[in-house]
Protein backbone atom coordinates (compact mmCIF):
# COMPACT_ATOMS: atom_id res chain seq x y z
CA MET A 1 -47.84 -9.78 28.21
CA SER A 2 -49.78 -6.43 27.54
CA LEU A 3 -52.65 -5.86 25.30
CA SER A 4 -52.70 -6.19 21.47
CA THR A 5 -51.74 -3.29 19.40
CA PRO A 6 -55.13 -1.71 18.63
CA VAL A 7 -56.34 -2.16 14.91
CA ASN A 8 -57.89 1.45 14.47
CA ARG A 9 -56.63 5.08 15.22
CA ARG A 10 -58.01 5.94 18.53
CA ALA A 11 -58.44 9.16 20.68
CA LEU A 12 -58.54 9.20 24.57
CA ARG A 13 -61.73 10.51 25.80
CA HIS A 14 -62.07 9.42 29.26
CA THR A 15 -59.73 8.13 31.82
CA ARG A 16 -60.83 6.38 35.18
CA ALA A 17 -58.34 5.80 37.54
CA ILE A 18 -58.45 3.78 40.81
CA VAL A 19 -55.61 3.82 43.29
CA VAL A 20 -55.61 2.00 46.78
CA GLN A 21 -52.74 2.47 49.30
CA ALA A 22 -52.20 0.59 52.30
CA TYR A 23 -50.78 1.98 55.59
CA ALA A 24 -49.58 0.02 58.49
CA ARG A 25 -50.24 2.42 61.52
CA GLU A 26 -48.25 2.58 64.71
CA ASP A 27 -51.28 1.70 66.79
CA GLY A 28 -51.49 -1.75 64.97
CA LEU A 29 -54.50 -0.84 62.79
CA TRP A 30 -54.30 -0.43 59.04
CA ASP A 31 -55.51 2.35 56.63
CA LEU A 32 -56.78 1.30 53.37
CA ASP A 33 -57.06 4.76 51.27
CA ALA A 34 -58.68 4.27 48.25
CA HIS A 35 -59.14 7.08 45.22
CA ILE A 36 -61.12 7.27 42.13
CA SER A 37 -61.39 9.77 39.59
CA ASP A 38 -63.00 10.36 36.41
CA ILE A 39 -61.56 12.74 33.64
CA LYS A 40 -62.92 13.76 30.31
CA GLN A 41 -60.20 14.73 27.45
CA ILE A 42 -62.57 17.07 25.98
CA ASP A 43 -65.05 19.82 27.14
CA THR A 44 -67.95 18.35 28.70
CA VAL A 45 -71.12 20.05 29.56
CA LEU A 46 -73.02 18.38 32.47
CA ALA A 47 -76.68 19.08 33.53
CA SER A 48 -74.87 20.92 36.48
CA GLY A 49 -72.92 23.05 33.85
CA PRO A 50 -69.66 22.97 31.82
CA ARG A 51 -66.42 21.02 32.69
CA ALA A 52 -63.25 22.10 30.99
CA ALA A 53 -61.24 19.24 29.42
CA GLY A 54 -58.75 17.77 32.13
CA THR A 55 -60.94 18.70 35.09
CA PRO A 56 -62.18 15.69 37.19
CA LEU A 57 -65.96 14.85 37.09
CA HIS A 58 -65.33 12.65 40.07
CA ASP A 59 -62.53 12.82 42.44
CA LEU A 60 -63.50 10.74 45.59
CA HIS A 61 -61.59 9.18 48.53
CA LEU A 62 -62.57 6.50 50.76
CA ARG A 63 -60.37 5.32 53.85
CA LEU A 64 -61.29 2.23 55.76
CA THR A 65 -59.38 1.58 59.05
CA VAL A 66 -59.00 -2.31 59.74
CA ASP A 67 -57.48 -4.53 62.28
CA HIS A 68 -55.67 -7.44 61.57
CA GLN A 69 -58.56 -9.56 61.32
CA LEU A 70 -59.93 -6.90 58.60
CA ASN A 71 -62.98 -5.65 60.82
CA ILE A 72 -63.53 -2.24 59.81
CA VAL A 73 -63.22 -0.16 62.79
CA ASP A 74 -63.16 3.24 61.17
CA ALA A 75 -64.30 4.74 57.50
CA GLU A 76 -64.20 8.15 56.08
CA ALA A 77 -64.91 9.24 52.77
CA ALA A 78 -64.60 12.50 50.87
CA SER A 79 -65.79 13.99 47.80
CA ASP A 80 -63.37 16.62 46.10
CA ALA A 81 -65.16 16.79 42.65
CA VAL A 82 -68.60 15.66 41.85
CA PRO A 83 -71.20 16.08 39.11
CA TYR A 84 -73.68 17.67 41.08
CA PRO A 85 -71.99 19.75 43.92
CA GLY A 86 -74.15 20.23 47.02
CA HIS A 87 -75.87 16.94 46.48
CA CYS A 88 -73.39 14.13 45.60
CA ASP A 89 -70.92 15.40 48.32
CA THR A 90 -73.33 14.91 51.24
CA ILE A 91 -73.29 11.17 51.59
CA ALA A 92 -69.95 10.82 53.10
CA PRO A 93 -71.08 10.29 56.55
CA ALA A 94 -73.19 7.15 55.71
CA TYR A 95 -70.12 5.14 54.61
CA LYS A 96 -68.92 5.49 58.21
CA GLU A 97 -72.35 4.83 59.78
CA GLN A 98 -72.63 1.94 57.52
CA LEU A 99 -69.28 0.17 57.25
CA VAL A 100 -68.00 0.27 60.77
CA GLY A 101 -68.52 -3.35 62.08
CA LEU A 102 -68.33 -5.06 58.87
CA ASN A 103 -65.48 -7.49 58.14
CA LEU A 104 -63.91 -7.35 54.59
CA MET A 105 -63.58 -11.18 54.17
CA GLN A 106 -67.07 -12.02 55.71
CA GLY A 107 -69.89 -10.93 53.51
CA PHE A 108 -68.76 -7.59 52.91
CA ARG A 109 -69.66 -7.20 49.33
CA HIS A 110 -73.09 -8.64 50.04
CA GLU A 111 -73.51 -6.00 53.30
CA LEU A 112 -72.47 -3.27 51.13
CA LYS A 113 -74.84 -3.73 48.45
CA GLN A 114 -77.56 -4.03 51.17
CA ARG A 115 -76.60 -1.01 53.03
CA LEU A 116 -75.43 1.54 50.44
CA ALA A 117 -76.78 0.42 46.93
CA GLY A 118 -78.94 2.97 44.96
CA THR A 119 -80.06 6.10 46.89
CA ALA A 120 -78.68 5.01 49.98
CA GLY A 121 -75.00 5.63 48.88
CA CYS A 122 -73.00 7.07 46.06
CA THR A 123 -72.41 4.60 43.19
CA HIS A 124 -68.78 5.64 42.72
CA LEU A 125 -67.89 5.20 46.62
CA THR A 126 -69.78 2.09 46.80
CA GLU A 127 -68.12 0.77 43.69
CA LEU A 128 -64.54 1.74 45.02
CA ALA A 129 -65.42 0.13 48.41
CA GLN A 130 -66.01 -3.23 46.55
CA ILE A 131 -62.30 -3.55 45.61
CA LEU A 132 -61.08 -3.25 49.04
CA PRO A 133 -61.25 -6.72 50.29
CA THR A 134 -58.63 -8.05 47.69
CA ALA A 135 -56.55 -4.73 48.13
CA ALA A 136 -56.42 -5.65 51.94
CA VAL A 137 -55.41 -9.19 51.09
CA GLN A 138 -52.46 -7.88 48.93
CA ALA A 139 -51.45 -5.43 51.56
CA PHE A 140 -51.47 -8.10 54.50
CA ALA A 141 -49.67 -10.71 52.37
CA ASN A 142 -46.02 -11.07 53.95
CA ASP A 143 -46.75 -8.30 56.39
CA VAL A 144 -49.55 -9.64 58.48
CA TRP A 145 -50.16 -13.16 57.04
CA ALA A 146 -47.32 -15.55 55.86
CA THR A 147 -47.68 -16.48 52.27
CA ASN A 148 -44.94 -18.78 51.74
CA ASP A 149 -44.79 -22.65 52.72
CA ALA A 150 -41.70 -22.45 54.64
CA ALA A 151 -43.63 -19.48 57.20
CA THR A 152 -46.14 -22.45 58.06
CA GLU A 153 -43.62 -24.56 59.65
CA ASP A 154 -43.31 -24.82 63.34
CA HIS A 155 -40.54 -27.31 64.18
CA GLY A 156 -41.19 -29.19 60.91
CA THR A 157 -45.03 -29.51 61.52
CA PRO A 158 -47.27 -27.47 59.28
CA ARG A 159 -49.50 -25.28 60.91
CA GLN A 160 -52.11 -24.35 58.60
CA LYS A 161 -52.69 -24.07 54.73
CA PRO A 162 -51.40 -20.77 53.26
CA PHE A 163 -54.42 -18.27 53.15
CA GLN A 164 -54.00 -17.81 49.23
CA LEU A 165 -54.37 -21.71 47.96
CA ASP A 166 -57.47 -22.51 46.50
CA LYS A 167 -58.75 -18.78 46.16
CA CYS A 168 -57.69 -18.50 42.42
CA HIS A 169 -56.91 -20.80 39.28
CA ALA A 170 -53.27 -20.95 39.29
CA LEU A 171 -53.25 -21.81 43.21
CA ARG A 172 -55.77 -24.73 43.24
CA THR A 173 -54.54 -27.40 45.23
CA ASP A 174 -55.00 -29.91 42.50
CA GLY A 175 -52.57 -27.77 40.15
CA THR A 176 -49.19 -27.64 38.93
CA ALA A 177 -48.15 -24.27 40.75
CA VAL A 178 -49.21 -25.51 44.00
CA ALA A 179 -47.23 -28.82 43.26
CA GLN A 180 -44.18 -26.80 42.57
CA PHE A 181 -44.32 -24.06 45.36
CA TYR A 182 -46.34 -25.79 47.96
CA PRO A 183 -45.99 -29.41 47.65
CA ARG A 184 -47.21 -30.35 51.10
CA TRP A 185 -50.64 -28.98 50.08
CA VAL A 186 -51.28 -30.83 46.89
CA ALA A 187 -54.69 -32.27 46.93
CA LYS A 188 -54.48 -36.00 46.85
CA ALA A 189 -56.47 -37.92 44.45
CA ALA A 190 -58.83 -40.22 46.26
CA PRO A 191 -57.87 -43.84 46.06
CA SER A 192 -59.63 -45.93 43.29
CA SER A 193 -61.76 -48.88 44.56
CA ALA A 194 -60.94 -51.34 41.64
């Protein structure tokens, strides 16, 4: 299901694109390469000067290298296009300094805001970093982590609840999707004391 047809004629003026690609490395680590770009469809005048239509206002990259527990072991940022050249593009080292050692699934977004919000970082790189925990989960699903019920079995005994259960409305353990696809993990109603 896609969005409804617009009710009025429209003219595209701005495109923000975000892409995250996850790579399994031969050394056992993973690279999460994230990219964000902002492009105006019309000529624009910034405080730093004019930008022709189709020229990126922002063209930023962030790479986090993580282990199988989603600990960040390396980080790198790059700014190919920025609104204030010579200023915006000097913050990249802060992302390595502040992100290495964090875990994407243990308070990452809180720590990210504490360490790189406001003048301590780049608004756009920090925003890009915020989506990496769920991107990593998608990358690890069925590659690093088992996601189906059969994969949790060891000689007929369930090992542990699949990680994605109770993480969204569709996969709540008292819901119909879990009853259909993960029946052993359906939450049992408490017995009534009548």
